[in-house]
C-alpha atoms as a PDB file:
ATOM      1  CA  UNK A   1       0.018   0.097   0.267  1.00  0.00           C
ATOM      2  CA  UNK A   2       1.727   3.322  -1.193  1.00  0.00           C
ATOM      3  CA  UNK A   3       1.346   6.121   1.146  1.00  0.00           C
ATOM      4  CA  UNK A   4      -0.623   9.465   0.162  1.00  0.00           C
ATOM      5  CA  UNK A   5       2.975  11.155  -0.116  1.00  0.00           C
ATOM      6  CA  UNK A   6       3.959   8.627  -2.544  1.00  0.00           C
ATOM      7  CA  UNK A   7       0.738   8.651  -4.422  1.00  0.00           C
ATOM      8  CA  UNK A   8       0.905  12.773  -4.939  1.00  0.00           C
ATOM      9  CA  UNK A   9       4.344  12.408  -6.063  1.00  0.00           C
ATOM     10  CA  UNK A  10       3.531  10.112  -8.724  1.00  0.00           C
ATOM     11  CA  UNK A  11       0.702  12.137  -9.940  1.00  0.00           C
ATOM     12  CA  UNK A  12       3.305  14.861 -10.418  1.00  0.00           C
ATOM     13  CA  UNK A  13       2.393  16.943  -7.622  1.00  0.00           C
ATOM     14  CA  UNK A  14       4.540  18.832  -5.687  1.00  0.00           C
ATOM     15  CA  UNK A  15       4.950  17.809  -2.239  1.00  0.00           C
ATOM     16  CA  UNK A  16       5.153  21.121  -0.024  1.00  0.00           C
ATOM     17  CA  UNK A  17       6.364  21.053   3.794  1.00  0.00           C
ATOM     18  CA  UNK A  18       2.317  21.513   4.529  1.00  0.00           C
ATOM     19  CA  UNK A  19       0.862  18.710   1.995  1.00  0.00           C
ATOM     20  CA  UNK A  20       3.536  16.822   3.789  1.00  0.00           C
ATOM     21  CA  UNK A  21       2.166  17.489   7.070  1.00  0.00           C
ATOM     22  CA  UNK A  22      -1.508  16.704   6.058  1.00  0.00           C
ATOM     23  CA  UNK A  23      -0.249  13.711   3.979  1.00  0.00           C
ATOM     24  CA  UNK A  24       1.181  12.752   7.412  1.00  0.00           C
ATOM     25  CA  UNK A  25      -2.040  13.240   9.410  1.00  0.00           C
ATOM     26  CA  UNK A  26      -4.321  11.354   7.064  1.00  0.00           C
ATOM     27  CA  UNK A  27      -2.079   8.428   7.067  1.00  0.00           C
ATOM     28  CA  UNK A  28      -1.673   8.113  10.976  1.00  0.00           C
ATOM     29  CA  UNK A  29      -5.736   8.938  10.967  1.00  0.00           C
ATOM     30  CA  UNK A  30      -6.498   5.510   8.749  1.00  0.00           C
ATOM     31  CA  UNK A  31      -6.090   2.870  10.934  1.00  0.00           C
END
């Protein structure tokens, strides 16, 4: 399973620090 950050990067989105933090929070809340 790929993380949100990996999915965004492979979609060509630039991962800014803010987006990275949001993605980490979303990843953490998925369990």
